Amino acid sequence: MLPEIKAWARALKRDVLALYLAARDPRTPWAARIAALLVAGYALSPIDLIPDFIPVIGLLDDLLLVPAGIWLVLRLVPPDLMQSYRAEAELLAHRPRSLAAAAVVIALWIVAIALAAAWLDL
């Protein structure tokens, strides 16, 4: 059962990225673009409708709203376009990650926090 859940989670992650790609593509119908943008934004946002620290209900909104939103967008996007978005999302998910770039971003955040603290006289 655990491998099935992992496969479902990978497919869900791929579909959220595919929805983001669909929202940015002018070939996608406007209604689908707006719905895809809303679903991808909600799925990738750290802010939830119901906070995750609320027992059961906090996680339940993610388990129901994101798949329901994906289902809606899948109905609005033409199947051939969705297939190409999924293929592109699969390629993007497997591209190499740069630890050097992550270190640069972290260093920039540290410098920004230090400058803000110095400016505020902390």
N, C-alpha and C. Protein backbone atom coordinates (compact mmCIF):
# COMPACT_ATOMS: atom_id res chain seq x y z
N MET A 1 0.82 -1.19 0.00
CA MET A 1 0.00 0.00 0.00
C MET A 1 0.87 1.26 0.00
N LEU A 2 2.01 1.23 0.68
CA LEU A 2 2.89 2.39 0.72
C LEU A 2 3.43 2.77 -0.65
N PRO A 3 3.83 1.83 -1.50
CA PRO A 3 4.27 2.22 -2.85
C PRO A 3 3.17 2.89 -3.67
N GLU A 4 1.93 2.46 -3.47
CA GLU A 4 0.80 3.07 -4.18
C GLU A 4 0.59 4.52 -3.73
N ILE A 5 0.74 4.76 -2.44
CA ILE A 5 0.58 6.12 -1.91
C ILE A 5 1.70 7.01 -2.42
N LYS A 6 2.93 6.48 -2.46
CA LYS A 6 4.05 7.25 -2.97
C LYS A 6 3.86 7.59 -4.45
N ALA A 7 3.36 6.64 -5.23
CA ALA A 7 3.12 6.88 -6.65
C ALA A 7 2.02 7.93 -6.83
N TRP A 8 0.98 7.86 -6.01
CA TRP A 8 -0.10 8.84 -6.07
C TRP A 8 0.43 10.23 -5.72
N ALA A 9 1.28 10.33 -4.69
CA ALA A 9 1.84 11.62 -4.29
C ALA A 9 2.74 12.19 -5.38
N ARG A 10 3.54 11.34 -6.04
CA ARG A 10 4.39 11.82 -7.15
C ARG A 10 3.54 12.32 -8.31
N ALA A 11 2.46 11.60 -8.61
CA ALA A 11 1.57 12.02 -9.70
C ALA A 11 0.89 13.34 -9.35
N LEU A 12 0.51 13.50 -8.09
CA LEU A 12 -0.12 14.74 -7.65
C LEU A 12 0.85 15.91 -7.77
N LYS A 13 2.09 15.69 -7.36
CA LYS A 13 3.11 16.73 -7.47
C LYS A 13 3.36 17.09 -8.94
N ARG A 14 3.43 16.08 -9.79
CA ARG A 14 3.63 16.31 -11.23
C ARG A 14 2.46 17.09 -11.81
N ASP A 15 1.24 16.75 -11.40
CA ASP A 15 0.06 17.43 -11.93
C ASP A 15 -0.03 18.87 -11.47
N VAL A 16 0.40 19.17 -10.24
CA VAL A 16 0.41 20.55 -9.77
C VAL A 16 1.38 21.37 -10.61
N LEU A 17 2.55 20.82 -10.90
CA LEU A 17 3.51 21.51 -11.77
C LEU A 17 2.95 21.64 -13.19
N ALA A 18 2.26 20.63 -13.67
CA ALA A 18 1.64 20.70 -14.99
C ALA A 18 0.56 21.77 -15.03
N LEU A 19 -0.18 21.94 -13.94
CA LEU A 19 -1.19 22.99 -13.88
C LEU A 19 -0.55 24.38 -13.92
N TYR A 20 0.58 24.51 -13.27
CA TYR A 20 1.31 25.77 -13.33
C TYR A 20 1.73 26.07 -14.76
N LEU A 21 2.21 25.06 -15.46
CA LEU A 21 2.61 25.23 -16.86
C LEU A 21 1.39 25.56 -17.72
N ALA A 22 0.26 24.92 -17.44
CA ALA A 22 -0.96 25.18 -18.20
C ALA A 22 -1.45 26.61 -18.00
N ALA A 23 -1.30 27.11 -16.78
CA ALA A 23 -1.76 28.47 -16.48
C ALA A 23 -0.94 29.52 -17.23
N ARG A 24 0.28 29.19 -17.58
CA ARG A 24 1.16 30.15 -18.26
C ARG A 24 1.13 30.03 -19.78
N ASP A 25 0.48 29.01 -20.30
CA ASP A 25 0.49 28.76 -21.75
C ASP A 25 -0.73 29.42 -22.41
N PRO A 26 -0.50 30.24 -23.45
CA PRO A 26 -1.63 30.91 -24.11
C PRO A 26 -2.55 29.95 -24.88
N ARG A 27 -2.11 28.73 -25.13
CA ARG A 27 -2.98 27.76 -25.83
C ARG A 27 -4.07 27.22 -24.93
N THR A 28 -3.90 27.36 -23.62
CA THR A 28 -4.89 26.88 -22.67
C THR A 28 -6.07 27.84 -22.63
N PRO A 29 -7.31 27.33 -22.61
CA PRO A 29 -8.49 28.22 -22.51
C PRO A 29 -8.43 29.07 -21.24
N TRP A 30 -9.03 30.27 -21.32
CA TRP A 30 -8.95 31.21 -20.21
C TRP A 30 -9.51 30.65 -18.91
N ALA A 31 -10.64 30.01 -18.96
CA ALA A 31 -11.24 29.46 -17.73
C ALA A 31 -10.30 28.44 -17.10
N ALA A 32 -9.68 27.62 -17.92
CA ALA A 32 -8.74 26.62 -17.41
C ALA A 32 -7.49 27.29 -16.86
N ARG A 33 -7.04 28.36 -17.50
CA ARG A 33 -5.84 29.07 -17.02
C ARG A 33 -6.08 29.66 -15.63
N ILE A 34 -7.23 30.27 -15.45
CA ILE A 34 -7.55 30.87 -14.15
C ILE A 34 -7.68 29.79 -13.09
N ALA A 35 -8.41 28.72 -13.40
CA ALA A 35 -8.57 27.62 -12.43
C ALA A 35 -7.24 26.97 -12.13
N ALA A 36 -6.40 26.77 -13.14
CA ALA A 36 -5.08 26.15 -12.93
C ALA A 36 -4.21 27.03 -12.06
N LEU A 37 -4.25 28.33 -12.29
CA LEU A 37 -3.46 29.26 -11.48
C LEU A 37 -3.92 29.23 -10.03
N LEU A 38 -5.22 29.20 -9.80
CA LEU A 38 -5.74 29.15 -8.44
C LEU A 38 -5.36 27.85 -7.73
N VAL A 39 -5.51 26.73 -8.43
CA VAL A 39 -5.20 25.43 -7.82
C VAL A 39 -3.70 25.31 -7.55
N ALA A 40 -2.87 25.66 -8.53
CA ALA A 40 -1.42 25.57 -8.33
C ALA A 40 -0.97 26.53 -7.23
N GLY A 41 -1.54 27.73 -7.22
CA GLY A 41 -1.20 28.70 -6.18
C GLY A 41 -1.57 28.20 -4.80
N TYR A 42 -2.75 27.60 -4.67
CA TYR A 42 -3.16 27.07 -3.37
C TYR A 42 -2.29 25.89 -2.96
N ALA A 43 -1.98 25.01 -3.91
CA ALA A 43 -1.18 23.83 -3.59
C ALA A 43 0.24 24.20 -3.20
N LEU A 44 0.80 25.21 -3.82
CA LEU A 44 2.19 25.59 -3.56
C LEU A 44 2.33 26.66 -2.49
N SER A 45 1.23 27.25 -2.07
CA SER A 45 1.26 28.32 -1.08
C SER A 45 1.45 27.77 0.32
N PRO A 46 2.23 28.47 1.14
CA PRO A 46 2.36 28.05 2.54
C PRO A 46 1.13 28.40 3.38
N ILE A 47 0.23 29.21 2.81
CA ILE A 47 -0.98 29.62 3.53
C ILE A 47 -2.13 28.72 3.11
N ASP A 48 -2.79 28.11 4.08
CA ASP A 48 -3.90 27.20 3.82
C ASP A 48 -5.22 27.86 4.21
N LEU A 49 -6.29 27.35 3.62
CA LEU A 49 -7.63 27.80 3.98
C LEU A 49 -7.89 27.48 5.45
N ILE A 50 -7.55 26.26 5.84
CA ILE A 50 -7.64 25.83 7.23
C ILE A 50 -6.22 25.46 7.65
N PRO A 51 -5.65 26.09 8.68
CA PRO A 51 -4.26 25.81 9.06
C PRO A 51 -4.04 24.34 9.40
N ASP A 52 -2.85 23.84 9.06
CA ASP A 52 -2.54 22.43 9.25
C ASP A 52 -2.43 22.02 10.72
N PHE A 53 -2.22 22.97 11.62
CA PHE A 53 -2.08 22.60 13.02
C PHE A 53 -3.42 22.22 13.66
N ILE A 54 -4.53 22.50 12.99
CA ILE A 54 -5.84 22.06 13.50
C ILE A 54 -5.97 20.58 13.18
N PRO A 55 -6.14 19.75 14.21
CA PRO A 55 -6.15 18.30 14.00
C PRO A 55 -7.19 17.86 12.95
N VAL A 56 -6.84 16.94 12.14
CA VAL A 56 -7.63 16.28 11.11
C VAL A 56 -8.13 17.25 10.03
N ILE A 57 -8.88 18.26 10.41
CA ILE A 57 -9.48 19.17 9.44
C ILE A 57 -8.41 19.96 8.70
N GLY A 58 -7.32 20.32 9.40
CA GLY A 58 -6.26 21.10 8.78
C GLY A 58 -5.60 20.38 7.62
N LEU A 59 -5.43 19.08 7.73
CA LEU A 59 -4.84 18.30 6.64
C LEU A 59 -5.89 17.83 5.64
N LEU A 60 -7.11 17.72 6.10
CA LEU A 60 -8.19 17.23 5.25
C LEU A 60 -8.47 18.19 4.10
N ASP A 61 -8.33 19.50 4.33
CA ASP A 61 -8.59 20.44 3.24
C ASP A 61 -7.59 20.24 2.11
N ASP A 62 -6.33 19.95 2.44
CA ASP A 62 -5.33 19.69 1.39
C ASP A 62 -5.63 18.39 0.65
N LEU A 63 -6.10 17.40 1.38
CA LEU A 63 -6.39 16.10 0.76
C LEU A 63 -7.64 16.13 -0.10
N LEU A 64 -8.52 17.11 0.11
CA LEU A 64 -9.75 17.19 -0.68
C LEU A 64 -9.71 18.31 -1.72
N LEU A 65 -9.27 19.50 -1.33
CA LEU A 65 -9.33 20.65 -2.23
C LEU A 65 -8.36 20.56 -3.39
N VAL A 66 -7.13 20.15 -3.13
CA VAL A 66 -6.14 20.08 -4.22
C VAL A 66 -6.54 19.04 -5.27
N PRO A 67 -6.85 17.79 -4.87
CA PRO A 67 -7.28 16.84 -5.91
C PRO A 67 -8.57 17.27 -6.62
N ALA A 68 -9.50 17.89 -5.90
CA ALA A 68 -10.73 18.34 -6.54
C ALA A 68 -10.44 19.46 -7.55
N GLY A 69 -9.53 20.35 -7.19
CA GLY A 69 -9.14 21.41 -8.12
C GLY A 69 -8.42 20.87 -9.34
N ILE A 70 -7.55 19.90 -9.12
CA ILE A 70 -6.85 19.27 -10.25
C ILE A 70 -7.87 18.59 -11.16
N TRP A 71 -8.83 17.90 -10.58
CA TRP A 71 -9.87 17.23 -11.37
C TRP A 71 -10.62 18.24 -12.22
N LEU A 72 -10.96 19.40 -11.63
CA LEU A 72 -11.68 20.43 -12.37
C LEU A 72 -10.85 20.93 -13.55
N VAL A 73 -9.59 21.23 -13.31
CA VAL A 73 -8.75 21.75 -14.38
C VAL A 73 -8.53 20.70 -15.46
N LEU A 74 -8.41 19.44 -15.06
CA LEU A 74 -8.25 18.37 -16.05
C LEU A 74 -9.46 18.30 -16.98
N ARG A 75 -10.62 18.66 -16.48
CA ARG A 75 -11.83 18.66 -17.31
C ARG A 75 -11.85 19.87 -18.26
N LEU A 76 -11.17 20.96 -17.87
CA LEU A 76 -11.19 22.18 -18.67
C LEU A 76 -10.08 22.26 -19.71
N VAL A 77 -8.95 21.60 -19.45
CA VAL A 77 -7.81 21.64 -20.39
C VAL A 77 -7.97 20.52 -21.41
N PRO A 78 -7.78 20.82 -22.69
CA PRO A 78 -7.83 19.77 -23.70
C PRO A 78 -6.81 18.66 -23.39
N PRO A 79 -7.20 17.39 -23.58
CA PRO A 79 -6.34 16.26 -23.20
C PRO A 79 -4.95 16.27 -23.85
N ASP A 80 -4.86 16.67 -25.12
CA ASP A 80 -3.56 16.67 -25.78
C ASP A 80 -2.62 17.72 -25.16
N LEU A 81 -3.17 18.87 -24.76
CA LEU A 81 -2.36 19.88 -24.09
C LEU A 81 -1.92 19.39 -22.72
N MET A 82 -2.84 18.79 -21.99
CA MET A 82 -2.51 18.30 -20.65
C MET A 82 -1.42 17.24 -20.71
N GLN A 83 -1.46 16.41 -21.73
CA GLN A 83 -0.43 15.39 -21.89
C GLN A 83 0.94 16.03 -22.10
N SER A 84 1.00 17.10 -22.88
CA SER A 84 2.28 17.77 -23.10
C SER A 84 2.74 18.49 -21.83
N TYR A 85 1.82 19.06 -21.06
CA TYR A 85 2.20 19.70 -19.79
C TYR A 85 2.74 18.67 -18.80
N ARG A 86 2.11 17.51 -18.75
CA ARG A 86 2.60 16.47 -17.84
C ARG A 86 4.00 15.99 -18.24
N ALA A 87 4.23 15.86 -19.54
CA ALA A 87 5.56 15.43 -20.01
C ALA A 87 6.60 16.49 -19.64
N GLU A 88 6.27 17.76 -19.84
CA GLU A 88 7.20 18.83 -19.48
C GLU A 88 7.43 18.88 -17.98
N ALA A 89 6.38 18.67 -17.19
CA ALA A 89 6.51 18.66 -15.73
C ALA A 89 7.39 17.51 -15.27
N GLU A 90 7.28 16.37 -15.94
CA GLU A 90 8.12 15.22 -15.61
C GLU A 90 9.59 15.54 -15.85
N LEU A 91 9.87 16.23 -16.95
CA LEU A 91 11.25 16.62 -17.26
C LEU A 91 11.77 17.63 -16.25
N LEU A 92 10.93 18.59 -15.87
CA LEU A 92 11.36 19.60 -14.91
C LEU A 92 11.60 18.99 -13.53
N ALA A 93 10.82 17.99 -13.17
CA ALA A 93 10.98 17.36 -11.86
C ALA A 93 12.27 16.57 -11.76
N HIS A 94 12.80 16.12 -12.88
CA HIS A 94 14.02 15.31 -12.87
C HIS A 94 15.28 16.08 -13.21
N ARG A 95 15.18 17.39 -13.35
CA ARG A 95 16.39 18.14 -13.67
C ARG A 95 17.24 18.27 -12.41
N PRO A 96 18.54 18.37 -12.59
CA PRO A 96 19.44 18.41 -11.43
C PRO A 96 19.25 19.69 -10.62
N ARG A 97 19.49 19.56 -9.33
CA ARG A 97 19.39 20.71 -8.44
C ARG A 97 20.79 21.17 -8.08
N SER A 98 20.95 22.45 -7.92
CA SER A 98 22.26 23.02 -7.64
C SER A 98 22.38 23.37 -6.16
N LEU A 99 23.30 22.72 -5.48
CA LEU A 99 23.55 23.05 -4.08
C LEU A 99 24.24 24.40 -3.98
N ALA A 100 25.05 24.75 -4.97
CA ALA A 100 25.72 26.05 -4.97
C ALA A 100 24.69 27.18 -5.05
N ALA A 101 23.68 27.02 -5.89
CA ALA A 101 22.63 28.04 -5.99
C ALA A 101 21.86 28.15 -4.67
N ALA A 102 21.59 27.03 -4.03
CA ALA A 102 20.91 27.05 -2.74
C ALA A 102 21.76 27.78 -1.70
N ALA A 103 23.07 27.56 -1.72
CA ALA A 103 23.97 28.25 -0.79
C ALA A 103 23.97 29.76 -1.03
N VAL A 104 23.93 30.16 -2.30
CA VAL A 104 23.90 31.60 -2.62
C VAL A 104 22.61 32.22 -2.12
N VAL A 105 21.49 31.56 -2.32
CA VAL A 105 20.20 32.09 -1.86
C VAL A 105 20.19 32.21 -0.33
N ILE A 106 20.69 31.19 0.35
CA ILE A 106 20.73 31.23 1.82
C ILE A 106 21.64 32.36 2.29
N ALA A 107 22.79 32.53 1.62
CA ALA A 107 23.70 33.61 1.99
C ALA A 107 23.04 34.97 1.78
N LEU A 108 22.31 35.14 0.70
CA LEU A 108 21.61 36.40 0.46
C LEU A 108 20.57 36.68 1.54
N TRP A 109 19.86 35.65 1.98
CA TRP A 109 18.88 35.83 3.05
C TRP A 109 19.58 36.22 4.35
N ILE A 110 20.70 35.60 4.66
CA ILE A 110 21.44 35.94 5.88
C ILE A 110 21.91 37.39 5.83
N VAL A 111 22.43 37.81 4.69
CA VAL A 111 22.88 39.20 4.54
C VAL A 111 21.68 40.15 4.68
N ALA A 112 20.56 39.81 4.06
CA ALA A 112 19.37 40.67 4.15
C ALA A 112 18.88 40.78 5.59
N ILE A 113 18.89 39.69 6.32
CA ILE A 113 18.45 39.72 7.72
C ILE A 113 19.43 40.54 8.56
N ALA A 114 20.72 40.37 8.31
CA ALA A 114 21.72 41.14 9.04
C ALA A 114 21.58 42.63 8.76
N LEU A 115 21.37 43.01 7.49
CA LEU A 115 21.18 44.41 7.15
C LEU A 115 19.91 44.98 7.79
N ALA A 116 18.84 44.19 7.79
CA ALA A 116 17.59 44.64 8.42
C ALA A 116 17.78 44.82 9.91
N ALA A 117 18.50 43.91 10.55
CA ALA A 117 18.75 44.02 11.99
C ALA A 117 19.61 45.24 12.29
N ALA A 118 20.64 45.49 11.46
CA ALA A 118 21.48 46.67 11.67
C ALA A 118 20.67 47.95 11.44
N TRP A 119 19.81 47.96 10.47
CA TRP A 119 19.00 49.14 10.18
C TRP A 119 18.03 49.43 11.32
N LEU A 120 17.50 48.35 11.92
CA LEU A 120 16.55 48.50 13.02
C LEU A 120 17.24 48.65 14.38
N ASP A 121 18.58 48.66 14.38
CA ASP A 121 19.38 48.77 15.62
C ASP A 121 19.07 47.66 16.60
N LEU A 122 19.01 46.43 16.11
CA LEU A 122 18.76 45.29 17.01
C LEU A 122 20.02 44.73 17.54
